[in-house]
Amino acid sequence: MEEVTIISSGVVIDGKVTSNGNVRVDGSVKGDITAQGNLTVGEHGTIQGQLTGETVSIGGKVEGTVNAKEKLVLEAKAVLKGDLITKILVVEAGAIFEGRSSMSSNSTFKPVNKGE
């Protein structure tokens, strides 16, 4: 059974989150999140920071770079303002994406800093 870390609705984290398993965010995180497994942002979840995981599913709001090693899913109510790096990209109708994308398996893509 794989570990799942849940950041519940109403929880606010200001800092870096690292997990060897899966992570689900329904609360608010201001900082980077790294998961060795899957990373899910629920419909009411909000994140300001860089996300890294095997498969990343976004249903809420993310502001920052997303690095999904295998697949990134932007659900219908997702809002992603930032760059993305993944092998497979799934965008459902209604999702909002503002940024750049790179979809090669060995990407040399570097996100642009906001000041540039």
PDB file of N, CA and C in Angstrom:
ATOM      1  N   MET A   1       0.839  -1.189   0.000  1.00  0.00           N
ATOM      2  CA  MET A   1       0.000   0.000   0.000  1.00  0.00           C
ATOM      3  C   MET A   1       0.879   1.246   0.000  1.00  0.00           C
ATOM      4  N   GLU A   2       0.655   2.138  -0.972  1.00  0.00           N
ATOM      5  CA  GLU A   2       1.484   3.333  -1.089  1.00  0.00           C
ATOM      6  C   GLU A   2       1.044   4.408  -0.107  1.00  0.00           C
ATOM      7  N   GLU A   3       2.013   5.172   0.366  1.00  0.00           N
ATOM      8  CA  GLU A   3       1.732   6.281   1.272  1.00  0.00           C
ATOM      9  C   GLU A   3       1.042   7.403   0.519  1.00  0.00           C
ATOM     10  N   VAL A   4       0.078   8.057   1.186  1.00  0.00           N
ATOM     11  CA  VAL A   4      -0.579   9.227   0.618  1.00  0.00           C
ATOM     12  C   VAL A   4      -0.579  10.316   1.684  1.00  0.00           C
ATOM     13  N   THR A   5       0.005  11.450   1.355  1.00  0.00           N
ATOM     14  CA  THR A   5      -0.012  12.607   2.235  1.00  0.00           C
ATOM     15  C   THR A   5      -1.136  13.510   1.770  1.00  0.00           C
ATOM     16  N   ILE A   6      -2.057  13.849   2.680  1.00  0.00           N
ATOM     17  CA  ILE A   6      -3.197  14.686   2.321  1.00  0.00           C
ATOM     18  C   ILE A   6      -3.086  16.013   3.056  1.00  0.00           C
ATOM     19  N   ILE A   7      -3.104  17.092   2.296  1.00  0.00           N
ATOM     20  CA  ILE A   7      -3.141  18.437   2.864  1.00  0.00           C
ATOM     21  C   ILE A   7      -4.588  18.894   2.698  1.00  0.00           C
ATOM     22  N   SER A   8      -5.346  18.793   3.782  1.00  0.00           N
ATOM     23  CA  SER A   8      -6.792  18.982   3.746  1.00  0.00           C
ATOM     24  C   SER A   8      -7.201  20.429   3.512  1.00  0.00           C
ATOM     25  N   SER A   9      -8.455  20.598   3.116  1.00  0.00           N
ATOM     26  CA  SER A   9      -9.053  21.912   2.953  1.00  0.00           C
ATOM     27  C   SER A   9      -8.962  22.655   4.283  1.00  0.00           C
ATOM     28  N   GLY A  10      -8.593  23.921   4.236  1.00  0.00           N
ATOM     29  CA  GLY A  10      -8.451  24.707   5.458  1.00  0.00           C
ATOM     30  C   GLY A  10      -7.029  24.731   5.987  1.00  0.00           C
ATOM     31  N   VAL A  11      -6.175  23.808   5.518  1.00  0.00           N
ATOM     32  CA  VAL A  11      -4.777  23.765   5.954  1.00  0.00           C
ATOM     33  C   VAL A  11      -3.957  24.689   5.061  1.00  0.00           C
ATOM     34  N   VAL A  12      -3.097  25.512   5.684  1.00  0.00           N
ATOM     35  CA  VAL A  12      -2.222  26.421   4.947  1.00  0.00           C
ATOM     36  C   VAL A  12      -0.782  26.078   5.321  1.00  0.00           C
ATOM     37  N   ILE A  13       0.035  25.800   4.313  1.00  0.00           N
ATOM     38  CA  ILE A  13       1.445  25.483   4.527  1.00  0.00           C
ATOM     39  C   ILE A  13       2.291  26.527   3.819  1.00  0.00           C
ATOM     40  N   ASP A  14       3.251  27.080   4.553  1.00  0.00           N
ATOM     41  CA  ASP A  14       4.196  28.036   3.985  1.00  0.00           C
ATOM     42  C   ASP A  14       5.572  27.393   4.108  1.00  0.00           C
ATOM     43  N   GLY A  15       6.010  26.730   3.043  1.00  0.00           N
ATOM     44  CA  GLY A  15       7.288  26.029   3.069  1.00  0.00           C
ATOM     45  C   GLY A  15       7.313  24.895   2.065  1.00  0.00           C
ATOM     46  N   LYS A  16       8.413  24.156   2.063  1.00  0.00           N
ATOM     47  CA  LYS A  16       8.649  23.092   1.098  1.00  0.00           C
ATOM     48  C   LYS A  16       8.054  21.777   1.601  1.00  0.00           C
ATOM     49  N   VAL A  17       7.407  21.017   0.691  1.00  0.00           N
ATOM     50  CA  VAL A  17       6.835  19.717   1.032  1.00  0.00           C
ATOM     51  C   VAL A  17       7.518  18.656   0.172  1.00  0.00           C
ATOM     52  N   THR A  18       8.015  17.586   0.829  1.00  0.00           N
ATOM     53  CA  THR A  18       8.660  16.482   0.124  1.00  0.00           C
ATOM     54  C   THR A  18       8.058  15.177   0.627  1.00  0.00           C
ATOM     55  N   SER A  19       7.731  14.258  -0.317  1.00  0.00           N
ATOM     56  CA  SER A  19       7.136  12.982   0.069  1.00  0.00           C
ATOM     57  C   SER A  19       7.711  11.857  -0.781  1.00  0.00           C
ATOM     58  N   ASN A  20       7.912  10.691  -0.160  1.00  0.00           N
ATOM     59  CA  ASN A  20       8.361   9.510  -0.893  1.00  0.00           C
ATOM     60  C   ASN A  20       7.194   8.792  -1.563  1.00  0.00           C
ATOM     61  N   GLY A  21       5.963   9.185  -1.222  1.00  0.00           N
ATOM     62  CA  GLY A  21       4.770   8.558  -1.799  1.00  0.00           C
ATOM     63  C   GLY A  21       3.961   9.544  -2.610  1.00  0.00           C
ATOM     64  N   ASN A  22       2.633   9.418  -2.520  1.00  0.00           N
ATOM     65  CA  ASN A  22       1.711  10.290  -3.239  1.00  0.00           C
ATOM     66  C   ASN A  22       1.295  11.465  -2.357  1.00  0.00           C
ATOM     67  N   VAL A  23       0.926  12.589  -2.997  1.00  0.00           N
ATOM     68  CA  VAL A  23       0.486  13.771  -2.264  1.00  0.00           C
ATOM     69  C   VAL A  23      -0.811  14.282  -2.883  1.00  0.00           C
ATOM     70  N   ARG A  24      -1.777  14.640  -2.011  1.00  0.00           N
ATOM     71  CA  ARG A  24      -3.016  15.282  -2.456  1.00  0.00           C
ATOM     72  C   ARG A  24      -3.147  16.590  -1.691  1.00  0.00           C
ATOM     73  N   VAL A  25      -3.391  17.688  -2.443  1.00  0.00           N
ATOM     74  CA  VAL A  25      -3.519  19.010  -1.833  1.00  0.00           C
ATOM     75  C   VAL A  25      -4.934  19.529  -2.063  1.00  0.00           C
ATOM     76  N   ASP A  26      -5.674  19.702  -0.960  1.00  0.00           N
ATOM     77  CA  ASP A  26      -6.989  20.339  -1.022  1.00  0.00           C
ATOM     78  C   ASP A  26      -6.948  21.676  -0.294  1.00  0.00           C
ATOM     79  N   GLY A  27      -5.839  21.967   0.363  1.00  0.00           N
ATOM     80  CA  GLY A  27      -5.655  23.223   1.080  1.00  0.00           C
ATOM     81  C   GLY A  27      -4.810  24.181   0.270  1.00  0.00           C
ATOM     82  N   SER A  28      -3.965  24.938   0.958  1.00  0.00           N
ATOM     83  CA  SER A  28      -3.145  25.965   0.309  1.00  0.00           C
ATOM     84  C   SER A  28      -1.677  25.763   0.675  1.00  0.00           C
ATOM     85  N   VAL A  29      -0.811  25.779  -0.344  1.00  0.00           N
ATOM     86  CA  VAL A  29       0.628  25.630  -0.125  1.00  0.00           C
ATOM     87  C   VAL A  29       1.353  26.763  -0.829  1.00  0.00           C
ATOM     88  N   LYS A  30       2.223  27.446  -0.074  1.00  0.00           N
ATOM     89  CA  LYS A  30       3.079  28.475  -0.654  1.00  0.00           C
ATOM     90  C   LYS A  30       4.495  27.950  -0.531  1.00  0.00           C
ATOM     91  N   GLY A  31       4.953  27.269  -1.585  1.00  0.00           N
ATOM     92  CA  GLY A  31       6.263  26.637  -1.579  1.00  0.00           C
ATOM     93  C   GLY A  31       6.272  25.460  -2.539  1.00  0.00           C
ATOM     94  N   ASP A  32       7.421  24.869  -2.730  1.00  0.00           N
ATOM     95  CA  ASP A  32       7.588  23.773  -3.685  1.00  0.00           C
ATOM     96  C   ASP A  32       7.082  22.460  -3.094  1.00  0.00           C
ATOM     97  N   ILE A  33       6.532  21.598  -3.963  1.00  0.00           N
ATOM     98  CA  ILE A  33       6.085  20.266  -3.556  1.00  0.00           C
ATOM     99  C   ILE A  33       6.758  19.243  -4.457  1.00  0.00           C
ATOM    100  N   THR A  34       7.436  18.267  -3.844  1.00  0.00           N
ATOM    101  CA  THR A  34       8.076  17.187  -4.585  1.00  0.00           C
ATOM    102  C   THR A  34       7.533  15.863  -4.066  1.00  0.00           C
ATOM    103  N   ALA A  35       6.981  15.062  -4.990  1.00  0.00           N
ATOM    104  CA  ALA A  35       6.452  13.745  -4.634  1.00  0.00           C
ATOM    105  C   ALA A  35       7.121  12.702  -5.516  1.00  0.00           C
ATOM    106  N   GLN A  36       7.578  11.602  -4.896  1.00  0.00           N
ATOM    107  CA  GLN A  36       8.154  10.508  -5.678  1.00  0.00           C
ATOM    108  C   GLN A  36       7.054   9.764  -6.441  1.00  0.00           C
ATOM    109  N   GLY A  37       5.826   9.861  -5.955  1.00  0.00           N
ATOM    110  CA  GLY A  37       4.679   9.231  -6.613  1.00  0.00           C
ATOM    111  C   GLY A  37       3.855  10.261  -7.347  1.00  0.00           C
ATOM    112  N   ASN A  38       2.525  10.110  -7.241  1.00  0.00           N
ATOM    113  CA  ASN A  38       1.598  11.015  -7.925  1.00  0.00           C
ATOM    114  C   ASN A  38       1.302  12.233  -7.061  1.00  0.00           C
ATOM    115  N   LEU A  39       1.005  13.343  -7.725  1.00  0.00           N
ATOM    116  CA  LEU A  39       0.683  14.589  -7.045  1.00  0.00           C
ATOM    117  C   LEU A  39      -0.648  15.083  -7.574  1.00  0.00           C
ATOM    118  N   THR A  40      -1.617  15.280  -6.669  1.00  0.00           N
ATOM    119  CA  THR A  40      -2.950  15.718  -7.067  1.00  0.00           C
ATOM    120  C   THR A  40      -3.291  17.017  -6.354  1.00  0.00           C
ATOM    121  N   VAL A  41      -3.764  17.997  -7.130  1.00  0.00           N
ATOM    122  CA  VAL A  41      -4.256  19.249  -6.567  1.00  0.00           C
ATOM    123  C   VAL A  41      -5.767  19.214  -6.745  1.00  0.00           C
ATOM    124  N   GLY A  42      -6.501  19.147  -5.620  1.00  0.00           N
ATOM    125  CA  GLY A  42      -7.953  19.082  -5.665  1.00  0.00           C
ATOM    126  C   GLY A  42      -8.569  20.372  -6.190  1.00  0.00           C
ATOM    127  N   GLU A  43      -9.862  20.325  -6.442  1.00  0.00           N
ATOM    128  CA  GLU A  43     -10.590  21.458  -7.021  1.00  0.00           C
ATOM    129  C   GLU A  43     -10.440  22.738  -6.202  1.00  0.00           C
ATOM    130  N   HIS A  44     -10.324  22.616  -4.873  1.00  0.00           N
ATOM    131  CA  HIS A  44     -10.203  23.798  -4.012  1.00  0.00           C
ATOM    132  C   HIS A  44      -8.769  24.047  -3.566  1.00  0.00           C
ATOM    133  N   GLY A  45      -7.825  23.246  -4.062  1.00  0.00           N
ATOM    134  CA  GLY A  45      -6.424  23.411  -3.705  1.00  0.00           C
ATOM    135  C   GLY A  45      -5.782  24.571  -4.440  1.00  0.00           C
ATOM    136  N   THR A  46      -4.862  25.276  -3.762  1.00  0.00           N
ATOM    137  CA  THR A  46      -4.106  26.364  -4.385  1.00  0.00           C
ATOM    138  C   THR A  46      -2.637  26.198  -4.019  1.00  0.00           C
ATOM    139  N   ILE A  47      -1.778  26.387  -5.015  1.00  0.00           N
ATOM    140  CA  ILE A  47      -0.341  26.235  -4.797  1.00  0.00           C
ATOM    141  C   ILE A  47       0.395  27.370  -5.500  1.00  0.00           C
ATOM    142  N   GLN A  48       1.356  27.957  -4.778  1.00  0.00           N
ATOM    143  CA  GLN A  48       2.292  28.910  -5.360  1.00  0.00           C
ATOM    144  C   GLN A  48       3.671  28.305  -5.171  1.00  0.00           C
ATOM    145  N   GLY A  49       4.213  27.747  -6.240  1.00  0.00           N
ATOM    146  CA  GLY A  49       5.521  27.113  -6.147  1.00  0.00           C
ATOM    147  C   GLY A  49       5.684  26.064  -7.224  1.00  0.00           C
ATOM    148  N   GLN A  50       6.823  25.412  -7.224  1.00  0.00           N
ATOM    149  CA  GLN A  50       7.140  24.405  -8.230  1.00  0.00           C
ATOM    150  C   GLN A  50       6.611  23.045  -7.790  1.00  0.00           C
ATOM    151  N   LEU A  51       5.975  22.311  -8.729  1.00  0.00           N
ATOM    152  CA  LEU A  51       5.459  20.979  -8.460  1.00  0.00           C
ATOM    153  C   LEU A  51       6.268  19.950  -9.233  1.00  0.00           C
ATOM    154  N   THR A  52       6.605  18.842  -8.571  1.00  0.00           N
ATOM    155  CA  THR A  52       7.315  17.753  -9.225  1.00  0.00           C
ATOM    156  C   THR A  52       6.702  16.435  -8.765  1.00  0.00           C
ATOM    157  N   GLY A  53       6.377  15.559  -9.742  1.00  0.00           N
ATOM    158  CA  GLY A  53       5.827  14.253  -9.421  1.00  0.00           C
ATOM    159  C   GLY A  53       5.796  13.364 -10.648  1.00  0.00           C
ATOM    160  N   GLU A  54       5.470  12.079 -10.454  1.00  0.00           N
ATOM    161  CA  GLU A  54       5.362  11.144 -11.583  1.00  0.00           C
ATOM    162  C   GLU A  54       4.199  11.555 -12.490  1.00  0.00           C
ATOM    163  N   THR A  55       2.987  11.498 -11.944  1.00  0.00           N
ATOM    164  CA  THR A  55       1.793  11.950 -12.647  1.00  0.00           C
ATOM    165  C   THR A  55       1.206  13.071 -11.810  1.00  0.00           C
ATOM    166  N   VAL A  56       0.966  14.215 -12.436  1.00  0.00           N
ATOM    167  CA  VAL A  56       0.414  15.374 -11.728  1.00  0.00           C
ATOM    168  C   VAL A  56      -0.967  15.658 -12.292  1.00  0.00           C
ATOM    169  N   SER A  57      -1.967  15.735 -11.397  1.00  0.00           N
ATOM    170  CA  SER A  57      -3.336  16.074 -11.784  1.00  0.00           C
ATOM    171  C   SER A  57      -3.705  17.366 -11.077  1.00  0.00           C
ATOM    172  N   ILE A  58      -4.159  18.355 -11.855  1.00  0.00           N
ATOM    173  CA  ILE A  58      -4.504  19.653 -11.278  1.00  0.00           C
ATOM    174  C   ILE A  58      -5.991  19.918 -11.494  1.00  0.00           C
ATOM    175  N   GLY A  59      -6.697  20.140 -10.396  1.00  0.00           N
ATOM    176  CA  GLY A  59      -8.114  20.489 -10.460  1.00  0.00           C
ATOM    177  C   GLY A  59      -8.352  21.874  -9.893  1.00  0.00           C
ATOM    178  N   GLY A  60      -7.355  22.423  -9.193  1.00  0.00           N
ATOM    179  CA  GLY A  60      -7.465  23.737  -8.568  1.00  0.00           C
ATOM    180  C   GLY A  60      -6.568  24.751  -9.254  1.00  0.00           C
ATOM    181  N   LYS A  61      -5.922  25.613  -8.450  1.00  0.00           N
ATOM    182  CA  LYS A  61      -5.104  26.703  -8.989  1.00  0.00           C
ATOM    183  C   LYS A  61      -3.637  26.499  -8.633  1.00  0.00           C
ATOM    184  N   VAL A  62      -2.787  26.611  -9.650  1.00  0.00           N
ATOM    185  CA  VAL A  62      -1.343  26.487  -9.455  1.00  0.00           C
ATOM    186  C   VAL A  62      -0.660  27.653 -10.141  1.00  0.00           C
ATOM    187  N   GLU A  63       0.254  28.296  -9.405  1.00  0.00           N
ATOM    188  CA  GLU A  63       1.068  29.364  -9.968  1.00  0.00           C
ATOM    189  C   GLU A  63       2.516  28.964  -9.775  1.00  0.00           C
ATOM    190  N   GLY A  64       3.141  28.489 -10.856  1.00  0.00           N
ATOM    191  CA  GLY A  64       4.520  28.024 -10.782  1.00  0.00           C
ATOM    192  C   GLY A  64       4.786  26.952 -11.822  1.00  0.00           C
ATOM    193  N   THR A  65       6.004  26.471 -11.876  1.00  0.00           N
ATOM    194  CA  THR A  65       6.423  25.462 -12.843  1.00  0.00           C
ATOM    195  C   THR A  65       5.970  24.076 -12.402  1.00  0.00           C
ATOM    196  N   VAL A  66       5.471  23.287 -13.350  1.00  0.00           N
ATOM    197  CA  VAL A  66       5.054  21.913 -13.071  1.00  0.00           C
ATOM    198  C   VAL A  66       5.931  20.965 -13.873  1.00  0.00           C
ATOM    199  N   ASN A  67       6.554  20.008 -13.173  1.00  0.00           N
ATOM    200  CA  ASN A  67       7.387  19.001 -13.823  1.00  0.00           C
ATOM    201  C   ASN A  67       6.785  17.633 -13.527  1.00  0.00           C
ATOM    202  N   ALA A  68       6.030  17.117 -14.499  1.00  0.00           N
ATOM    203  CA  ALA A  68       5.416  15.788 -14.359  1.00  0.00           C
ATOM    204  C   ALA A  68       6.262  14.816 -15.166  1.00  0.00           C
ATOM    205  N   LYS A  69       6.887  13.860 -14.498  1.00  0.00           N
ATOM    206  CA  LYS A  69       7.811  12.952 -15.181  1.00  0.00           C
ATOM    207  C   LYS A  69       7.111  12.103 -16.237  1.00  0.00           C
ATOM    208  N   GLU A  70       5.854  11.723 -15.991  1.00  0.00           N
ATOM    209  CA  GLU A  70       5.115  10.897 -16.955  1.00  0.00           C
ATOM    210  C   GLU A  70       3.950  11.631 -17.606  1.00  0.00           C
ATOM    211  N   LYS A  71       3.020  12.147 -16.776  1.00  0.00           N
ATOM    212  CA  LYS A  71       1.797  12.732 -17.341  1.00  0.00           C
ATOM    213  C   LYS A  71       1.305  13.889 -16.488  1.00  0.00           C
ATOM    214  N   LEU A  72       0.762  14.924 -17.168  1.00  0.00           N
ATOM    215  CA  LEU A  72       0.121  16.051 -16.499  1.00  0.00           C
ATOM    216  C   LEU A  72      -1.314  16.133 -16.991  1.00  0.00           C
ATOM    217  N   VAL A  73      -2.260  16.175 -16.041  1.00  0.00           N
ATOM    218  CA  VAL A  73      -3.675  16.289 -16.374  1.00  0.00           C
ATOM    219  C   VAL A  73      -4.186  17.603 -15.821  1.00  0.00           C
ATOM    220  N   LEU A  74      -4.721  18.464 -16.713  1.00  0.00           N
ATOM    221  CA  LEU A  74      -5.375  19.698 -16.292  1.00  0.00           C
ATOM    222  C   LEU A  74      -6.873  19.444 -16.371  1.00  0.00           C
ATOM    223  N   GLU A  75      -7.510  19.317 -15.222  1.00  0.00           N
ATOM    224  CA  GLU A  75      -8.941  19.029 -15.171  1.00  0.00           C
ATOM    225  C   GLU A  75      -9.749  20.264 -15.556  1.00  0.00           C
ATOM    226  N   ALA A  76     -11.053  20.095 -15.739  1.00  0.00           N
ATOM    227  CA  ALA A  76     -11.931  21.140 -16.271  1.00  0.00           C
ATOM    228  C   ALA A  76     -11.862  22.468 -15.513  1.00  0.00           C
ATOM    229  N   LYS A  77     -11.686  22.431 -14.181  1.00  0.00           N
ATOM    230  CA  LYS A  77     -11.669  23.675 -13.397  1.00  0.00           C
ATOM    231  C   LYS A  77     -10.257  24.124 -13.040  1.00  0.00           C
ATOM    232  N   ALA A  78      -9.255  23.513 -13.657  1.00  0.00           N
ATOM    233  CA  ALA A  78      -7.856  23.827 -13.358  1.00  0.00           C
ATOM    234  C   ALA A  78      -7.450  25.185 -13.911  1.00  0.00           C
ATOM    235  N   VAL A  79      -6.569  25.860 -13.153  1.00  0.00           N
ATOM    236  CA  VAL A  79      -5.934  27.093 -13.613  1.00  0.00           C
ATOM    237  C   VAL A  79      -4.442  26.927 -13.350  1.00  0.00           C
ATOM    238  N   LEU A  80      -3.650  26.901 -14.419  1.00  0.00           N
ATOM    239  CA  LEU A  80      -2.192  26.791 -14.303  1.00  0.00           C
ATOM    240  C   LEU A  80      -1.569  28.025 -14.923  1.00  0.00           C
ATOM    241  N   LYS A  81      -0.889  28.809 -14.081  1.00  0.00           N
ATOM    242  CA  LYS A  81      -0.154  29.977 -14.556  1.00  0.00           C
ATOM    243  C   LYS A  81       1.310  29.690 -14.308  1.00  0.00           C
ATOM    244  N   GLY A  82       1.961  29.162 -15.333  1.00  0.00           N
ATOM    245  CA  GLY A  82       3.366  28.796 -15.215  1.00  0.00           C
ATOM    246  C   GLY A  82       3.729  27.807 -16.290  1.00  0.00           C
ATOM    247  N   ASP A  83       4.985  27.462 -16.349  1.00  0.00           N
ATOM    248  CA  ASP A  83       5.485  26.566 -17.383  1.00  0.00           C
ATOM    249  C   ASP A  83       5.296  25.114 -16.960  1.00  0.00           C
ATOM    250  N   LEU A  84       5.256  24.230 -17.964  1.00  0.00           N
ATOM    251  CA  LEU A  84       5.105  22.808 -17.665  1.00  0.00           C
ATOM    252  C   LEU A  84       6.074  21.979 -18.481  1.00  0.00           C
ATOM    253  N   ILE A  85       6.507  20.878 -17.861  1.00  0.00           N
ATOM    254  CA  ILE A  85       7.404  19.922 -18.491  1.00  0.00           C
ATOM    255  C   ILE A  85       6.813  18.542 -18.243  1.00  0.00           C
ATOM    256  N   THR A  86       6.536  17.792 -19.311  1.00  0.00           N
ATOM    257  CA  THR A  86       5.944  16.472 -19.165  1.00  0.00           C
ATOM    258  C   THR A  86       6.111  15.672 -20.445  1.00  0.00           C
ATOM    259  N   LYS A  87       5.849  14.363 -20.371  1.00  0.00           N
ATOM    260  CA  LYS A  87       5.843  13.527 -21.571  1.00  0.00           C
ATOM    261  C   LYS A  87       4.461  13.535 -22.206  1.00  0.00           C
ATOM    262  N   ILE A  88       3.406  13.439 -21.363  1.00  0.00           N
ATOM    263  CA  ILE A  88       2.028  13.368 -21.852  1.00  0.00           C
ATOM    264  C   ILE A  88       1.227  14.485 -21.200  1.00  0.00           C
ATOM    265  N   LEU A  89       0.496  15.258 -22.001  1.00  0.00           N
ATOM    266  CA  LEU A  89      -0.317  16.356 -21.503  1.00  0.00           C
ATOM    267  C   LEU A  89      -1.774  16.111 -21.863  1.00  0.00           C
ATOM    268  N   VAL A  90      -2.659  16.160 -20.841  1.00  0.00           N
ATOM    269  CA  VAL A  90      -4.096  16.017 -21.050  1.00  0.00           C
ATOM    270  C   VAL A  90      -4.752  17.289 -20.532  1.00  0.00           C
ATOM    271  N   VAL A  91      -5.486  17.983 -21.413  1.00  0.00           N
ATOM    272  CA  VAL A  91      -6.171  19.220 -21.025  1.00  0.00           C
ATOM    273  C   VAL A  91      -7.661  19.037 -21.267  1.00  0.00           C
ATOM    274  N   GLU A  92      -8.427  19.050 -20.183  1.00  0.00           N
ATOM    275  CA  GLU A  92      -9.875  18.915 -20.309  1.00  0.00           C
ATOM    276  C   GLU A  92     -10.482  20.258 -20.699  1.00  0.00           C
ATOM    277  N   ALA A  93     -11.655  20.218 -21.348  1.00  0.00           N
ATOM    278  CA  ALA A  93     -12.365  21.431 -21.747  1.00  0.00           C
ATOM    279  C   ALA A  93     -12.654  22.271 -20.511  1.00  0.00           C
ATOM    280  N   GLY A  94     -12.327  23.562 -20.582  1.00  0.00           N
ATOM    281  CA  GLY A  94     -12.571  24.471 -19.471  1.00  0.00           C
ATOM    282  C   GLY A  94     -11.320  24.810 -18.688  1.00  0.00           C
ATOM    283  N   ALA A  95     -10.274  24.007 -18.808  1.00  0.00           N
ATOM    284  CA  ALA A  95      -9.021  24.271 -18.092  1.00  0.00           C
ATOM    285  C   ALA A  95      -8.349  25.517 -18.660  1.00  0.00           C
ATOM    286  N   ILE A  96      -7.642  26.253 -17.789  1.00  0.00           N
ATOM    287  CA  ILE A  96      -6.933  27.463 -18.205  1.00  0.00           C
ATOM    288  C   ILE A  96      -5.442  27.238 -17.988  1.00  0.00           C
ATOM    289  N   PHE A  97      -4.654  27.488 -19.040  1.00  0.00           N
ATOM    290  CA  PHE A  97      -3.198  27.336 -18.973  1.00  0.00           C
ATOM    291  C   PHE A  97      -2.552  28.559 -19.584  1.00  0.00           C
ATOM    292  N   GLU A  98      -1.723  29.247 -18.790  1.00  0.00           N
ATOM    293  CA  GLU A  98      -0.959  30.397 -19.268  1.00  0.00           C
ATOM    294  C   GLU A  98       0.512  30.111 -18.989  1.00  0.00           C
ATOM    295  N   GLY A  99       1.278  29.878 -20.042  1.00  0.00           N
ATOM    296  CA  GLY A  99       2.694  29.591 -19.865  1.00  0.00           C
ATOM    297  C   GLY A  99       3.251  28.869 -21.073  1.00  0.00           C
ATOM    298  N   ARG A 100       4.409  28.248 -20.892  1.00  0.00           N
ATOM    299  CA  ARG A 100       5.052  27.493 -21.961  1.00  0.00           C
ATOM    300  C   ARG A 100       5.054  26.023 -21.597  1.00  0.00           C
ATOM    301  N   SER A 101       5.088  25.184 -22.616  1.00  0.00           N
ATOM    302  CA  SER A 101       5.130  23.745 -22.363  1.00  0.00           C
ATOM    303  C   SER A 101       6.270  23.096 -23.124  1.00  0.00           C
ATOM    304  N   SER A 102       6.830  22.040 -22.517  1.00  0.00           N
ATOM    305  CA  SER A 102       7.859  21.239 -23.148  1.00  0.00           C
ATOM    306  C   SER A 102       7.461  19.788 -22.942  1.00  0.00           C
ATOM    307  N   MET A 103       7.428  19.015 -24.044  1.00  0.00           N
ATOM    308  CA  MET A 103       6.931  17.653 -23.948  1.00  0.00           C
ATOM    309  C   MET A 103       7.912  16.599 -24.430  1.00  0.00           C
ATOM    310  N   SER A 104       9.188  16.884 -24.487  1.00  0.00           N
ATOM    311  CA  SER A 104      10.144  15.843 -24.874  1.00  0.00           C
ATOM    312  C   SER A 104      10.576  15.066 -23.636  1.00  0.00           C
ATOM    313  N   SER A 105      10.919  13.807 -23.811  1.00  0.00           N
ATOM    314  CA  SER A 105      11.276  12.957 -22.674  1.00  0.00           C
ATOM    315  C   SER A 105      12.609  13.359 -22.046  1.00  0.00           C
ATOM    316  N   ASN A 106      13.499  13.967 -22.811  1.00  0.00           N
ATOM    317  CA  ASN A 106      14.759  14.442 -22.244  1.00  0.00           C
ATOM    318  C   ASN A 106      14.886  15.936 -22.535  1.00  0.00           C
ATOM    319  N   SER A 107      14.055  16.689 -21.871  1.00  0.00           N
ATOM    320  CA  SER A 107      13.932  18.119 -22.106  1.00  0.00           C
ATOM    321  C   SER A 107      15.092  18.906 -21.500  1.00  0.00           C
ATOM    322  N   THR A 108      15.523  19.938 -22.224  1.00  0.00           N
ATOM    323  CA  THR A 108      16.508  20.874 -21.695  1.00  0.00           C
ATOM    324  C   THR A 108      15.839  22.222 -21.457  1.00  0.00           C
ATOM    325  N   PHE A 109      14.535  22.230 -21.429  1.00  0.00           N
ATOM    326  CA  PHE A 109      13.703  23.416 -21.221  1.00  0.00           C
ATOM    327  C   PHE A 109      14.005  24.037 -19.871  1.00  0.00           C
ATOM    328  N   LYS A 110      14.217  25.361 -19.836  1.00  0.00           N
ATOM    329  CA  LYS A 110      14.427  26.052 -18.577  1.00  0.00           C
ATOM    330  C   LYS A 110      13.365  27.109 -18.427  1.00  0.00           C
ATOM    331  N   PRO A 111      12.637  27.117 -17.286  1.00  0.00           N
ATOM    332  CA  PRO A 111      11.615  28.134 -17.073  1.00  0.00           C
ATOM    333  C   PRO A 111      12.223  29.520 -17.047  1.00  0.00           C
ATOM    334  N   VAL A 112      11.467  30.506 -17.510  1.00  0.00           N
ATOM    335  CA  VAL A 112      11.922  31.892 -17.517  1.00  0.00           C
ATOM    336  C   VAL A 112      11.517  32.534 -16.193  1.00  0.00           C
ATOM    337  N   ASN A 113      12.454  33.236 -15.567  1.00  0.00           N
ATOM    338  CA  ASN A 113      12.126  33.953 -14.333  1.00  0.00           C
ATOM    339  C   ASN A 113      11.209  35.100 -14.649  1.00  0.00           C
ATOM    340  N   LYS A 114      10.324  35.439 -13.711  1.00  0.00           N
ATOM    341  CA  LYS A 114       9.335  36.497 -13.934  1.00  0.00           C
ATOM    342  C   LYS A 114       9.978  37.836 -14.289  1.00  0.00           C
ATOM    343  N   GLY A 115      11.164  38.090 -13.776  1.00  0.00           N
ATOM    344  CA  GLY A 115      11.838  39.361 -14.016  1.00  0.00           C
ATOM    345  C   GLY A 115      12.469  39.502 -15.388  1.00  0.00           C
ATOM    346  N   GLU A 116      12.515  38.418 -16.162  1.00  0.00           N
ATOM    347  CA  GLU A 116      13.191  38.453 -17.471  1.00  0.00           C
ATOM    348  C   GLU A 116      12.236  38.834 -18.570  1.00  0.00           C
TER     349      GLU A 116
END
